[in-house]
Amino acid sequence: QVQLVESGGGLVQPGGSLRLSCAASGFTLDSYNVGWFRQAPGKEREGVSCISRSGGSTYYRDSVRGRFTISRDTAGNTVVLQMNSLKPEDTAVYHCAAASRPIGYQDLCTLESRYDYWGQGAQVTVSS
């Protein structure tokens, strides 16, 4: 069964850290572009950070660059999003997604239609 499962969400105070994991089953995540997308209440879903199939290209939206880091854990068939210096505006449901088809760097975190598999989401709440 092909599945993506996110874990690691939760409640954290501003300035704190969380580590989100996206674990794949039924396929090898290394062969896929992987993206983290988030959706806050009343807002459209947006790409947060994405990594190419080769791992050679990573993308971060401006608001998280320097605070978030995306990486692959090949042995664990997992992609991790390390989130530091969290802000209240980072509060959202975070979804990971995997795409088998090639995606240009500029579109890596915007062409959601290219992503084949999606996880159910993990809630991240940043609040004091």
Protein backbone atom coordinates (compact mmCIF):
# COMPACT_ATOMS: atom_id res chain seq x y z
CA GLN A 1 0.00 0.00 0.00
CA VAL A 2 1.40 3.36 -1.07
CA GLN A 3 1.28 5.80 1.78
CA LEU A 4 2.88 8.96 3.21
CA VAL A 5 2.60 9.59 6.92
CA GLU A 6 3.65 12.79 8.66
CA SER A 7 4.68 12.90 12.30
CA GLY A 8 6.25 15.34 14.71
CA GLY A 9 3.67 18.10 14.80
CA GLY A 10 2.46 19.70 17.99
CA LEU A 11 2.22 22.83 20.10
CA VAL A 12 5.33 24.92 20.63
CA GLN A 13 6.07 28.38 21.96
CA PRO A 14 7.39 31.11 19.67
CA GLY A 15 11.10 30.64 19.15
CA GLY A 16 10.85 26.89 19.67
CA SER A 17 11.60 24.02 17.33
CA LEU A 18 9.80 21.07 15.83
CA ARG A 19 10.96 18.27 13.57
CA LEU A 20 8.46 16.94 11.04
CA SER A 21 9.02 13.56 9.41
CA CYS A 22 7.43 12.24 6.25
CA ALA A 23 7.66 8.47 6.08
CA ALA A 24 6.87 6.57 2.89
CA SER A 25 5.63 3.03 2.56
CA GLY A 26 5.06 1.07 -0.62
CA PHE A 27 7.60 3.07 -2.62
CA THR A 28 11.13 4.46 -2.37
CA LEU A 29 11.09 8.12 -1.50
CA ASP A 30 14.58 8.69 -2.91
CA SER A 31 13.14 8.40 -6.42
CA TYR A 32 10.65 11.19 -5.85
CA ASN A 33 10.64 14.94 -5.52
CA VAL A 34 9.29 15.66 -2.06
CA GLY A 35 7.59 18.77 -0.82
CA TRP A 36 6.24 20.16 2.41
CA PHE A 37 3.11 22.25 1.99
CA ARG A 38 1.06 23.99 4.65
CA GLN A 39 -2.43 25.37 4.97
CA ALA A 40 -3.49 27.79 7.67
CA PRO A 41 -7.19 28.38 8.49
CA GLY A 42 -8.80 30.60 5.88
CA LYS A 43 -5.73 30.61 3.66
CA GLU A 44 -4.64 28.80 0.53
CA ARG A 45 -2.16 25.96 0.72
CA GLU A 46 1.41 27.06 0.07
CA GLY A 47 4.70 25.36 -0.62
CA VAL A 48 7.09 25.63 2.31
CA SER A 49 10.15 23.62 1.36
CA CYS A 50 10.86 21.07 -1.34
CA ILE A 51 13.72 18.78 -2.32
CA SER A 52 14.47 17.33 -5.74
CA ARG A 53 14.74 13.63 -6.50
CA SER A 54 18.49 13.80 -6.56
CA GLY A 55 18.56 15.85 -3.40
CA GLY A 56 20.73 18.36 -5.22
CA SER A 57 18.13 21.10 -5.20
CA THR A 58 16.25 22.43 -2.23
CA TYR A 59 13.70 25.23 -2.18
CA TYR A 60 12.49 27.36 0.71
CA ARG A 61 9.85 30.03 0.67
CA ASP A 62 11.23 33.38 1.75
CA SER A 63 9.44 33.43 5.08
CA VAL A 64 11.11 30.21 6.29
CA ARG A 65 14.54 30.44 4.66
CA GLY A 66 17.25 30.32 7.31
CA ARG A 67 14.88 28.80 9.88
CA PHE A 68 13.73 25.56 8.22
CA THR A 69 15.89 22.79 6.78
CA ILE A 70 14.71 19.93 4.55
CA SER A 71 16.72 16.75 4.28
CA ARG A 72 16.47 13.10 3.31
CA ASP A 73 16.97 10.13 5.59
CA THR A 74 17.56 7.50 2.96
CA ALA A 75 17.90 4.61 5.36
CA GLY A 76 14.57 5.46 6.90
CA ASN A 77 12.80 6.19 3.59
CA THR A 78 11.91 9.54 5.14
CA VAL A 79 12.16 13.26 4.45
CA VAL A 80 12.59 15.53 7.46
CA LEU A 81 11.68 19.19 7.91
CA GLN A 82 13.57 20.73 10.81
CA MET A 83 11.80 23.91 11.91
CA ASN A 84 13.61 26.33 14.20
CA SER A 85 12.78 29.79 15.51
CA LEU A 86 9.11 29.11 14.95
CA LYS A 87 6.69 32.01 14.72
CA PRO A 88 2.93 32.19 15.27
CA GLU A 89 2.49 32.69 11.52
CA ASP A 90 3.96 29.22 10.96
CA THR A 91 0.81 27.74 12.51
CA ALA A 92 -0.83 25.47 9.94
CA VAL A 93 -1.49 21.89 8.92
CA TYR A 94 1.67 20.63 7.23
CA HIS A 95 1.40 18.04 4.48
CA CYS A 96 4.17 16.20 2.71
CA ALA A 97 3.80 15.14 -0.90
CA ALA A 98 5.81 13.08 -3.39
CA ALA A 99 6.12 13.49 -7.15
CA SER A 100 7.63 10.93 -9.53
CA ARG A 101 7.70 13.18 -12.58
CA PRO A 102 10.44 15.73 -13.24
CA ILE A 103 9.73 19.21 -11.93
CA GLY A 104 11.82 22.27 -12.72
CA TYR A 105 13.41 24.03 -9.76
CA GLN A 106 11.20 27.10 -10.11
CA ASP A 107 8.09 24.92 -9.96
CA LEU A 108 9.25 22.48 -7.31
CA CYS A 109 7.15 23.99 -4.56
CA THR A 110 4.35 25.49 -6.65
CA LEU A 111 3.15 22.87 -9.14
CA GLU A 112 1.06 20.90 -6.68
CA SER A 113 -0.66 19.10 -9.56
CA ARG A 114 2.60 17.24 -10.23
CA TYR A 115 2.55 15.59 -6.83
CA ASP A 116 1.18 12.05 -6.88
CA TYR A 117 0.92 11.17 -3.21
CA TRP A 118 -0.07 13.26 -0.20
CA GLY A 119 0.02 12.62 3.51
CA GLN A 120 -2.89 13.29 5.84
CA GLY A 121 -1.20 16.26 7.48
CA ALA A 122 0.32 17.21 10.84
CA GLN A 123 -0.88 20.15 12.91
CA VAL A 124 1.76 22.67 13.93
CA THR A 125 0.65 25.32 16.41
CA VAL A 126 2.99 28.09 17.53
CA SER A 127 1.54 29.96 20.46
CA SER A 128 2.47 31.25 23.88
